[in-house]
PDB file of all heavy atoms in Angstrom:
ATOM      1  N   TYR A   1      97.393 107.605 112.049  1.00  0.00           N
ATOM      2  CA  TYR A   1      98.536 106.693 112.180  1.00  0.00           C
ATOM      3  C   TYR A   1      99.631 107.055 111.180  1.00  0.00           C
ATOM      4  O   TYR A   1      99.385 107.744 110.175  1.00  0.00           O
ATOM      5  CB  TYR A   1      98.032 105.243 111.917  1.00  0.00           C
ATOM      6  CG  TYR A   1      97.641 104.982 110.435  1.00  0.00           C
ATOM      7  CD1 TYR A   1      98.515 104.392 109.576  1.00  0.00           C
ATOM      8  CD2 TYR A   1      96.378 105.381 109.993  1.00  0.00           C
ATOM      9  CE1 TYR A   1      98.168 104.199 108.231  1.00  0.00           C
ATOM     10  CE2 TYR A   1      96.033 105.185 108.686  1.00  0.00           C
ATOM     11  CZ  TYR A   1      96.899 104.571 107.799  1.00  0.00           C
ATOM     12  OH  TYR A   1      96.552 104.382 106.522  1.00  0.00           O
ATOM     13  N   ASP A   2     100.793 106.595 111.486  1.00  0.00           N
ATOM     14  CA  ASP A   2     101.969 106.739 110.553  1.00  0.00           C
ATOM     15  C   ASP A   2     102.106 105.451 109.806  1.00  0.00           C
ATOM     16  O   ASP A   2     102.124 104.352 110.385  1.00  0.00           O
ATOM     17  CB  ASP A   2     103.245 107.062 111.312  1.00  0.00           C
ATOM     18  CG  ASP A   2     103.215 108.427 111.960  1.00  0.00           C
ATOM     19  OD1 ASP A   2     102.632 109.364 111.340  1.00  0.00           O
ATOM     20  OD2 ASP A   2     103.729 108.553 113.115  1.00  0.00           O
ATOM     21  N   SER A   3     102.181 105.559 108.483  1.00  0.00           N
ATOM     22  CA  SER A   3     102.327 104.375 107.611  1.00  0.00           C
ATOM     23  C   SER A   3     103.799 104.202 107.213  1.00  0.00           C
ATOM     24  O   SER A   3     104.427 105.153 106.736  1.00  0.00           O
ATOM     25  CB  SER A   3     101.458 104.596 106.373  1.00  0.00           C
ATOM     26  OG  SER A   3     101.567 103.471 105.561  1.00  0.00           O
ATOM     27  N   ILE A   4     104.325 103.004 107.405  1.00  0.00           N
ATOM     28  CA  ILE A   4     105.725 102.698 107.055  1.00  0.00           C
ATOM     29  C   ILE A   4     105.717 101.545 106.061  1.00  0.00           C
ATOM     30  O   ILE A   4     105.357 100.399 106.404  1.00  0.00           O
ATOM     31  CB  ILE A   4     106.543 102.333 108.303  1.00  0.00           C
ATOM     32  CG1 ILE A   4     106.504 103.502 109.326  1.00  0.00           C
ATOM     33  CG2 ILE A   4     107.998 102.013 107.911  1.00  0.00           C
ATOM     34  CD1 ILE A   4     107.004 103.175 110.670  1.00  0.00           C
ATOM     35  N   ASP A   5     106.104 101.821 104.812  1.00  0.00           N
ATOM     36  CA  ASP A   5     106.112 100.758 103.778  1.00  0.00           C
ATOM     37  C   ASP A   5     107.458 100.022 103.887  1.00  0.00           C
ATOM     38  O   ASP A   5     108.533 100.598 103.865  1.00  0.00           O
ATOM     39  CB  ASP A   5     106.000 101.367 102.406  1.00  0.00           C
ATOM     40  CG  ASP A   5     104.512 101.445 101.958  1.00  0.00           C
ATOM     41  OD1 ASP A   5     103.676 100.944 102.712  1.00  0.00           O
ATOM     42  OD2 ASP A   5     104.241 102.040 100.926  1.00  0.00           O
ATOM     43  N   GLU A   6     107.327  98.711 104.023  1.00  0.00           N
ATOM     44  CA  GLU A   6     108.472  97.795 104.138  1.00  0.00           C
ATOM     45  C   GLU A   6     108.896  97.263 102.759  1.00  0.00           C
ATOM     46  O   GLU A   6     108.041  96.980 101.914  1.00  0.00           O
ATOM     47  CB  GLU A   6     108.161  96.627 105.052  1.00  0.00           C
ATOM     48  CG  GLU A   6     108.108  96.997 106.557  1.00  0.00           C
ATOM     49  CD  GLU A   6     109.492  97.131 107.125  1.00  0.00           C
ATOM     50  OE1 GLU A   6     110.494  96.519 106.613  1.00  0.00           O
ATOM     51  OE2 GLU A   6     109.610  97.828 108.150  1.00  0.00           O
ATOM     52  N   ASP A   7     110.197  97.097 102.574  1.00  0.00           N
ATOM     53  CA  ASP A   7     110.714  96.361 101.420  1.00  0.00           C
ATOM     54  C   ASP A   7     110.915  94.930 101.913  1.00  0.00           C
ATOM     55  O   ASP A   7     111.850  94.655 102.666  1.00  0.00           O
ATOM     56  CB  ASP A   7     112.021  96.979 100.911  1.00  0.00           C
ATOM     57  CG  ASP A   7     112.690  96.141  99.849  1.00  0.00           C
ATOM     58  OD1 ASP A   7     112.113  95.128  99.402  1.00  0.00           O
ATOM     59  OD2 ASP A   7     113.816  96.536  99.415  1.00  0.00           O
ATOM     60  N   LEU A   8     110.057  93.998 101.514  1.00  0.00           N
ATOM     61  CA  LEU A   8     110.078  92.664 102.076  1.00  0.00           C
ATOM     62  C   LEU A   8     111.283  91.814 101.598  1.00  0.00           C
ATOM     63  O   LEU A   8     111.582  90.761 102.123  1.00  0.00           O
ATOM     64  CB  LEU A   8     108.779  91.923 101.792  1.00  0.00           C
ATOM     65  CG  LEU A   8     107.543  92.601 102.420  1.00  0.00           C
ATOM     66  CD1 LEU A   8     106.256  91.837 102.134  1.00  0.00           C
ATOM     67  CD2 LEU A   8     107.723  92.761 103.937  1.00  0.00           C
ATOM     68  N   SER A   9     112.009  92.318 100.581  1.00  0.00           N
ATOM     69  CA  SER A   9     113.200  91.625 100.148  1.00  0.00           C
ATOM     70  C   SER A   9     114.414  92.097 100.973  1.00  0.00           C
ATOM     71  O   SER A   9     115.483  91.542 100.960  1.00  0.00           O
ATOM     72  CB  SER A   9     113.489  91.881  98.681  1.00  0.00           C
ATOM     73  OG  SER A   9     113.688  93.229  98.426  1.00  0.00           O
ATOM     74  N   ASN A  10     114.189  93.182 101.774  1.00  0.00           N
ATOM     75  CA  ASN A  10     115.238  93.691 102.620  1.00  0.00           C
ATOM     76  C   ASN A  10     114.542  94.258 103.882  1.00  0.00           C
ATOM     77  O   ASN A  10     114.415  95.406 104.053  1.00  0.00           O
ATOM     78  CB  ASN A  10     116.038  94.795 101.868  1.00  0.00           C
ATOM     79  CG  ASN A  10     117.129  95.360 102.708  1.00  0.00           C
ATOM     80  OD1 ASN A  10     117.646  94.678 103.618  1.00  0.00           O
ATOM     81  ND2 ASN A  10     117.504  96.573 102.450  1.00  0.00           N
ATOM     82  N   LYS A  11     114.108  93.349 104.745  1.00  0.00           N
ATOM     83  CA  LYS A  11     113.291  93.697 105.926  1.00  0.00           C
ATOM     84  C   LYS A  11     114.035  94.598 106.883  1.00  0.00           C
ATOM     85  O   LYS A  11     115.215  94.343 107.191  1.00  0.00           O
ATOM     86  CB  LYS A  11     112.789  92.448 106.594  1.00  0.00           C
ATOM     87  CG  LYS A  11     111.855  91.598 105.684  1.00  0.00           C
ATOM     88  CD  LYS A  11     111.514  90.237 106.305  1.00  0.00           C
ATOM     89  CE  LYS A  11     110.703  89.445 105.323  1.00  0.00           C
ATOM     90  NZ  LYS A  11     110.428  88.104 105.762  1.00  0.00           N
ATOM     91  N   SER A  12     113.351  95.605 107.385  1.00  0.00           N
ATOM     92  CA  SER A  12     113.949  96.574 108.303  1.00  0.00           C
ATOM     93  C   SER A  12     114.160  95.906 109.676  1.00  0.00           C
ATOM     94  O   SER A  12     113.433  95.011 110.093  1.00  0.00           O
ATOM     95  CB  SER A  12     113.075  97.809 108.442  1.00  0.00           C
ATOM     96  OG  SER A  12     111.913  97.494 109.215  1.00  0.00           O
ATOM     97  N   PRO A  13     115.158  96.412 110.428  1.00  0.00           N
ATOM     98  CA  PRO A  13     115.348  95.956 111.774  1.00  0.00           C
ATOM     99  C   PRO A  13     114.052  96.160 112.663  1.00  0.00           C
ATOM    100  O   PRO A  13     113.772  95.338 113.513  1.00  0.00           O
ATOM    101  CB  PRO A  13     116.501  96.806 112.309  1.00  0.00           C
ATOM    102  CG  PRO A  13     117.236  97.225 111.089  1.00  0.00           C
ATOM    103  CD  PRO A  13     116.212  97.401 110.014  1.00  0.00           C
ATOM    104  N   LEU A  14     113.334  97.206 112.354  1.00  0.00           N
ATOM    105  CA  LEU A  14     112.091  97.499 113.089  1.00  0.00           C
ATOM    106  C   LEU A  14     111.056  96.368 112.867  1.00  0.00           C
ATOM    107  O   LEU A  14     110.450  95.902 113.833  1.00  0.00           O
ATOM    108  CB  LEU A  14     111.442  98.834 112.677  1.00  0.00           C
ATOM    109  CG  LEU A  14     110.148  99.219 113.354  1.00  0.00           C
ATOM    110  CD1 LEU A  14     110.374  99.411 114.881  1.00  0.00           C
ATOM    111  CD2 LEU A  14     109.593 100.511 112.737  1.00  0.00           C
ATOM    112  N   LEU A  15     110.901  95.892 111.608  1.00  0.00           N
ATOM    113  CA  LEU A  15     109.948  94.815 111.339  1.00  0.00           C
ATOM    114  C   LEU A  15     110.368  93.526 112.059  1.00  0.00           C
ATOM    115  O   LEU A  15     109.591  92.860 112.665  1.00  0.00           O
ATOM    116  CB  LEU A  15     109.868  94.586 109.857  1.00  0.00           C
ATOM    117  CG  LEU A  15     109.029  93.377 109.417  1.00  0.00           C
ATOM    118  CD1 LEU A  15     107.584  93.486 109.903  1.00  0.00           C
ATOM    119  CD2 LEU A  15     109.047  93.199 107.914  1.00  0.00           C
ATOM    120  N   VAL A  16     111.658  93.227 111.978  1.00  0.00           N
ATOM    121  CA  VAL A  16     112.162  91.975 112.606  1.00  0.00           C
ATOM    122  C   VAL A  16     112.032  92.074 114.131  1.00  0.00           C
ATOM    123  O   VAL A  16     111.676  91.065 114.766  1.00  0.00           O
ATOM    124  CB  VAL A  16     113.649  91.691 112.203  1.00  0.00           C
ATOM    125  CG1 VAL A  16     114.208  90.534 112.928  1.00  0.00           C
ATOM    126  CG2 VAL A  16     113.729  91.540 110.685  1.00  0.00           C
ATOM    127  N   GLN A  17     112.264  93.260 114.662  1.00  0.00           N
ATOM    128  CA  GLN A  17     112.150  93.426 116.110  1.00  0.00           C
ATOM    129  C   GLN A  17     110.645  93.315 116.562  1.00  0.00           C
ATOM    130  O   GLN A  17     110.336  92.712 117.571  1.00  0.00           O
ATOM    131  CB  GLN A  17     112.693  94.812 116.493  1.00  0.00           C
ATOM    132  CG  GLN A  17     112.545  95.205 117.960  1.00  0.00           C
ATOM    133  CD  GLN A  17     112.744  96.685 118.171  1.00  0.00           C
ATOM    134  OE1 GLN A  17     113.458  97.345 117.407  1.00  0.00           O
ATOM    135  NE2 GLN A  17     112.116  97.221 119.224  1.00  0.00           N
ATOM    136  N   CYS A  18     109.750  93.930 115.757  1.00  0.00           N
ATOM    137  CA  CYS A  18     108.318  93.949 116.167  1.00  0.00           C
ATOM    138  C   CYS A  18     107.606  92.647 115.884  1.00  0.00           C
ATOM    139  O   CYS A  18     106.561  92.360 116.495  1.00  0.00           O
ATOM    140  CB  CYS A  18     107.599  95.095 115.423  1.00  0.00           C
ATOM    141  SG  CYS A  18     108.154  96.691 116.012  1.00  0.00           S
ATOM    142  N   ASN A  19     108.063  91.880 114.907  1.00  0.00           N
ATOM    143  CA  ASN A  19     107.453  90.608 114.578  1.00  0.00           C
ATOM    144  C   ASN A  19     108.555  89.543 114.407  1.00  0.00           C
ATOM    145  O   ASN A  19     108.789  89.032 113.315  1.00  0.00           O
ATOM    146  CB  ASN A  19     106.615  90.689 113.302  1.00  0.00           C
ATOM    147  CG  ASN A  19     105.799  89.440 113.043  1.00  0.00           C
ATOM    148  OD1 ASN A  19     105.796  88.518 113.800  1.00  0.00           O
ATOM    149  ND2 ASN A  19     105.055  89.449 111.917  1.00  0.00           N
ATOM    150  N   PRO A  20     109.179  89.208 115.548  1.00  0.00           N
ATOM    151  CA  PRO A  20     110.337  88.243 115.482  1.00  0.00           C
ATOM    152  C   PRO A  20     109.950  86.846 115.113  1.00  0.00           C
ATOM    153  O   PRO A  20     110.758  86.058 114.635  1.00  0.00           O
ATOM    154  CB  PRO A  20     110.946  88.311 116.897  1.00  0.00           C
ATOM    155  CG  PRO A  20     109.805  88.728 117.757  1.00  0.00           C
ATOM    156  CD  PRO A  20     108.935  89.646 116.935  1.00  0.00           C
ATOM    157  N   VAL A  21     108.649  86.483 115.294  1.00  0.00           N
ATOM    158  CA  VAL A  21     108.243  85.130 115.029  1.00  0.00           C
ATOM    159  C   VAL A  21     108.051  84.881 113.509  1.00  0.00           C
ATOM    160  O   VAL A  21     108.667  83.983 112.906  1.00  0.00           O
ATOM    161  CB  VAL A  21     106.914  84.798 115.766  1.00  0.00           C
ATOM    162  CG1 VAL A  21     106.378  83.415 115.394  1.00  0.00           C
ATOM    163  CG2 VAL A  21     107.110  84.923 117.273  1.00  0.00           C
ATOM    164  N   TYR A  22     107.263  85.746 112.860  1.00  0.00           N
ATOM    165  CA  TYR A  22     106.981  85.524 111.434  1.00  0.00           C
ATOM    166  C   TYR A  22     107.768  86.466 110.513  1.00  0.00           C
ATOM    167  O   TYR A  22     107.886  86.208 109.340  1.00  0.00           O
ATOM    168  CB  TYR A  22     105.469  85.763 111.177  1.00  0.00           C
ATOM    169  CG  TYR A  22     104.622  84.690 111.818  1.00  0.00           C
ATOM    170  CD1 TYR A  22     103.727  85.029 112.850  1.00  0.00           C
ATOM    171  CD2 TYR A  22     104.631  83.389 111.377  1.00  0.00           C
ATOM    172  CE1 TYR A  22     102.932  84.063 113.469  1.00  0.00           C
ATOM    173  CE2 TYR A  22     103.828  82.421 111.984  1.00  0.00           C
ATOM    174  CZ  TYR A  22     103.008  82.752 112.999  1.00  0.00           C
ATOM    175  OH  TYR A  22     102.197  81.788 113.614  1.00  0.00           O
ATOM    176  N   LYS A  23     108.224  87.628 111.103  1.00  0.00           N
ATOM    177  CA  LYS A  23     108.958  88.630 110.299  1.00  0.00           C
ATOM    178  C   LYS A  23     108.163  89.051 109.069  1.00  0.00           C
ATOM    179  O   LYS A  23     108.698  89.190 107.969  1.00  0.00           O
ATOM    180  CB  LYS A  23     110.343  88.091 109.907  1.00  0.00           C
ATOM    181  CG  LYS A  23     111.223  87.651 111.073  1.00  0.00           C
ATOM    182  CD  LYS A  23     112.548  87.116 110.657  1.00  0.00           C
ATOM    183  CE  LYS A  23     113.426  86.687 111.813  1.00  0.00           C
ATOM    184  NZ  LYS A  23     112.871  85.571 112.596  1.00  0.00           N
ATOM    185  N   LYS A  24     106.847  89.215 109.251  1.00  0.00           N
ATOM    186  CA  LYS A  24     105.961  89.566 108.119  1.00  0.00           C
ATOM    187  C   LYS A  24     105.163  90.848 108.475  1.00  0.00           C
ATOM    188  O   LYS A  24     105.023  91.169 109.652  1.00  0.00           O
ATOM    189  CB  LYS A  24     104.937  88.415 107.836  1.00  0.00           C
ATOM    190  CG  LYS A  24     105.572  87.149 107.348  1.00  0.00           C
ATOM    191  CD  LYS A  24     104.511  86.191 106.793  1.00  0.00           C
ATOM    192  CE  LYS A  24     103.429  85.844 107.787  1.00  0.00           C
ATOM    193  NZ  LYS A  24     102.519  84.793 107.281  1.00  0.00           N
ATOM    194  N   ILE A  25     104.655  91.438 107.428  1.00  0.00           N
ATOM    195  CA  ILE A  25     103.665  92.564 107.585  1.00  0.00           C
ATOM    196  C   ILE A  25     102.288  91.982 107.473  1.00  0.00           C
ATOM    197  O   ILE A  25     102.113  90.863 106.936  1.00  0.00           O
ATOM    198  CB  ILE A  25     103.945  93.698 106.589  1.00  0.00           C
ATOM    199  CG1 ILE A  25     103.972  93.151 105.149  1.00  0.00           C
ATOM    200  CG2 ILE A  25     105.217  94.422 106.872  1.00  0.00           C
ATOM    201  CD1 ILE A  25     102.626  93.274 104.455  1.00  0.00           C
ATOM    202  N   PRO A  26     101.291  92.657 108.007  1.00  0.00           N
ATOM    203  CA  PRO A  26     101.340  93.961 108.653  1.00  0.00           C
ATOM    204  C   PRO A  26     101.683  93.804 110.156  1.00  0.00           C
ATOM    205  O   PRO A  26     101.453  92.756 110.747  1.00  0.00           O
ATOM    206  CB  PRO A  26      99.916  94.483 108.515  1.00  0.00           C
ATOM    207  CG  PRO A  26      99.063  93.249 108.468  1.00  0.00           C
ATOM    208  CD  PRO A  26      99.872  92.203 107.784  1.00  0.00           C
ATOM    209  N   VAL A  27     102.199  94.885 110.687  1.00  0.00           N
ATOM    210  CA  VAL A  27     102.407  94.982 112.149  1.00  0.00           C
ATOM    211  C   VAL A  27     101.867  96.344 112.598  1.00  0.00           C
ATOM    212  O   VAL A  27     102.149  97.388 111.973  1.00  0.00           O
ATOM    213  CB  VAL A  27     103.891  94.904 112.542  1.00  0.00           C
ATOM    214  CG1 VAL A  27     104.080  95.110 114.042  1.00  0.00           C
ATOM    215  CG2 VAL A  27     104.511  93.607 112.133  1.00  0.00           C
ATOM    216  N   LEU A  28     101.028  96.358 113.609  1.00  0.00           N
ATOM    217  CA  LEU A  28     100.501  97.570 114.185  1.00  0.00           C
ATOM    218  C   LEU A  28     101.315  97.889 115.459  1.00  0.00           C
ATOM    219  O   LEU A  28     101.491  96.985 116.254  1.00  0.00           O
ATOM    220  CB  LEU A  28      99.038  97.438 114.525  1.00  0.00           C
ATOM    221  CG  LEU A  28      98.341  98.728 115.029  1.00  0.00           C
ATOM    222  CD1 LEU A  28      98.060  99.703 113.898  1.00  0.00           C
ATOM    223  CD2 LEU A  28      96.985  98.373 115.752  1.00  0.00           C
ATOM    224  N   ILE A  29     101.827  99.092 115.562  1.00  0.00           N
ATOM    225  CA  ILE A  29     102.533  99.518 116.773  1.00  0.00           C
ATOM    226  C   ILE A  29     101.702 100.583 117.457  1.00  0.00           C
ATOM    227  O   ILE A  29     101.441 101.619 116.908  1.00  0.00           O
ATOM    228  CB  ILE A  29     103.964 100.015 116.428  1.00  0.00           C
ATOM    229  CG1 ILE A  29     104.716  98.989 115.617  1.00  0.00           C
ATOM    230  CG2 ILE A  29     104.698 100.401 117.741  1.00  0.00           C
ATOM    231  CD1 ILE A  29     106.046  99.536 115.080  1.00  0.00           C
ATOM    232  N   HIS A  30     101.221 100.276 118.648  1.00  0.00           N
ATOM    233  CA  HIS A  30     100.369 101.178 119.397  1.00  0.00           C
ATOM    234  C   HIS A  30     101.031 101.525 120.722  1.00  0.00           C
ATOM    235  O   HIS A  30     101.181 100.662 121.567  1.00  0.00           O
ATOM    236  CB  HIS A  30      98.991 100.574 119.623  1.00  0.00           C
ATOM    237  CG  HIS A  30      98.062 101.456 120.389  1.00  0.00           C
ATOM    238  ND1 HIS A  30      97.151 100.961 121.308  1.00  0.00           N
ATOM    239  CD2 HIS A  30      97.871 102.788 120.363  1.00  0.00           C
ATOM    240  CE1 HIS A  30      96.451 101.972 121.812  1.00  0.00           C
ATOM    241  NE2 HIS A  30      96.876 103.089 121.253  1.00  0.00           N
ATOM    242  N   ASN A  31     101.459 102.776 120.864  1.00  0.00           N
ATOM    243  CA  ASN A  31     102.182 103.225 122.055  1.00  0.00           C
ATOM    244  C   ASN A  31     103.320 102.299 122.447  1.00  0.00           C
ATOM    245  O   ASN A  31     103.484 101.906 123.613  1.00  0.00           O
ATOM    246  CB  ASN A  31     101.198 103.364 123.243  1.00  0.00           C
ATOM    247  CG  ASN A  31     100.175 104.454 123.035  1.00  0.00           C
ATOM    248  OD1 ASN A  31     100.442 105.431 122.279  1.00  0.00           O
ATOM    249  ND2 ASN A  31      99.025 104.354 123.642  1.00  0.00           N
ATOM    250  N   GLY A  32     104.081 101.914 121.403  1.00  0.00           N
ATOM    251  CA  GLY A  32     105.287 101.097 121.638  1.00  0.00           C
ATOM    252  C   GLY A  32     105.067  99.607 121.646  1.00  0.00           C
ATOM    253  O   GLY A  32     106.016  98.824 121.683  1.00  0.00           O
ATOM    254  N   LYS A  33     103.783  99.185 121.703  1.00  0.00           N
ATOM    255  CA  LYS A  33     103.504  97.700 121.724  1.00  0.00           C
ATOM    256  C   LYS A  33     103.107  97.277 120.342  1.00  0.00           C
ATOM    257  O   LYS A  33     102.308  97.930 119.659  1.00  0.00           O
ATOM    258  CB  LYS A  33     102.335  97.452 122.708  1.00  0.00           C
ATOM    259  CG  LYS A  33     102.682  97.729 124.153  1.00  0.00           C
ATOM    260  CD  LYS A  33     101.455  97.584 125.038  1.00  0.00           C
ATOM    261  CE  LYS A  33     101.826  97.908 126.475  1.00  0.00           C
ATOM    262  NZ  LYS A  33     100.612  97.928 127.320  1.00  0.00           N
ATOM    263  N   SER A  34     103.679  96.139 119.896  1.00  0.00           N
ATOM    264  CA  SER A  34     103.449  95.689 118.528  1.00  0.00           C
ATOM    265  C   SER A  34     102.469  94.496 118.477  1.00  0.00           C
ATOM    266  O   SER A  34     102.499  93.638 119.347  1.00  0.00           O
ATOM    267  CB  SER A  34     104.764  95.270 117.848  1.00  0.00           C
ATOM    268  OG  SER A  34     105.456  94.334 118.630  1.00  0.00           O
ATOM    269  N   ILE A  35     101.598  94.511 117.494  1.00  0.00           N
ATOM    270  CA  ILE A  35     100.600  93.438 117.298  1.00  0.00           C
ATOM    271  C   ILE A  35     100.753  92.967 115.844  1.00  0.00           C
ATOM    272  O   ILE A  35     100.780  93.811 114.888  1.00  0.00           O
ATOM    273  CB  ILE A  35      99.142  93.940 117.523  1.00  0.00           C
ATOM    274  CG1 ILE A  35      98.997  94.547 118.873  1.00  0.00           C
ATOM    275  CG2 ILE A  35      98.141  92.803 117.368  1.00  0.00           C
ATOM    276  CD1 ILE A  35      99.141  96.084 118.936  1.00  0.00           C
ATOM    277  N   SER A  36     100.871  91.658 115.630  1.00  0.00           N
ATOM    278  CA  SER A  36     101.090  91.068 114.329  1.00  0.00           C
ATOM    279  C   SER A  36      99.873  90.224 113.898  1.00  0.00           C
ATOM    280  O   SER A  36      99.106  89.823 114.734  1.00  0.00           O
ATOM    281  CB  SER A  36     102.359  90.170 114.347  1.00  0.00           C
ATOM    282  OG  SER A  36     103.474  90.930 114.805  1.00  0.00           O
ATOM    283  N   GLU A  37      99.897  89.915 112.574  1.00  0.00           N
ATOM    284  CA  GLU A  37      98.839  89.098 111.910  1.00  0.00           C
ATOM    285  C   GLU A  37      97.535  89.943 111.776  1.00  0.00           C
ATOM    286  O   GLU A  37      96.988  90.402 112.755  1.00  0.00           O
ATOM    287  CB  GLU A  37      98.545  87.828 112.680  1.00  0.00           C
ATOM    288  CG  GLU A  37      99.716  86.870 112.683  1.00  0.00           C
ATOM    289  CD  GLU A  37     100.076  86.335 111.278  1.00  0.00           C
ATOM    290  OE1 GLU A  37      99.251  85.674 110.664  1.00  0.00           O
ATOM    291  OE2 GLU A  37     101.184  86.640 110.804  1.00  0.00           O
ATOM    292  N   SER A  38      97.092  90.071 110.497  1.00  0.00           N
ATOM    293  CA  SER A  38      96.034  91.040 110.249  1.00  0.00           C
ATOM    294  C   SER A  38      94.721  90.735 110.996  1.00  0.00           C
ATOM    295  O   SER A  38      94.044  91.645 111.457  1.00  0.00           O
ATOM    296  CB  SER A  38      95.764  91.138 108.727  1.00  0.00           C
ATOM    297  OG  SER A  38      95.349  89.888 108.207  1.00  0.00           O
TER     298      SER A  38
END
């Protein structure tokens, strides 16, 4: 897997797009589909 470290004081557009409900990490992206909440 590719690991992407987020700066939670300045959330990336990718994080907000992949987890629009909570806007939190972790998010797993598998073949373009995102899954949130550990």
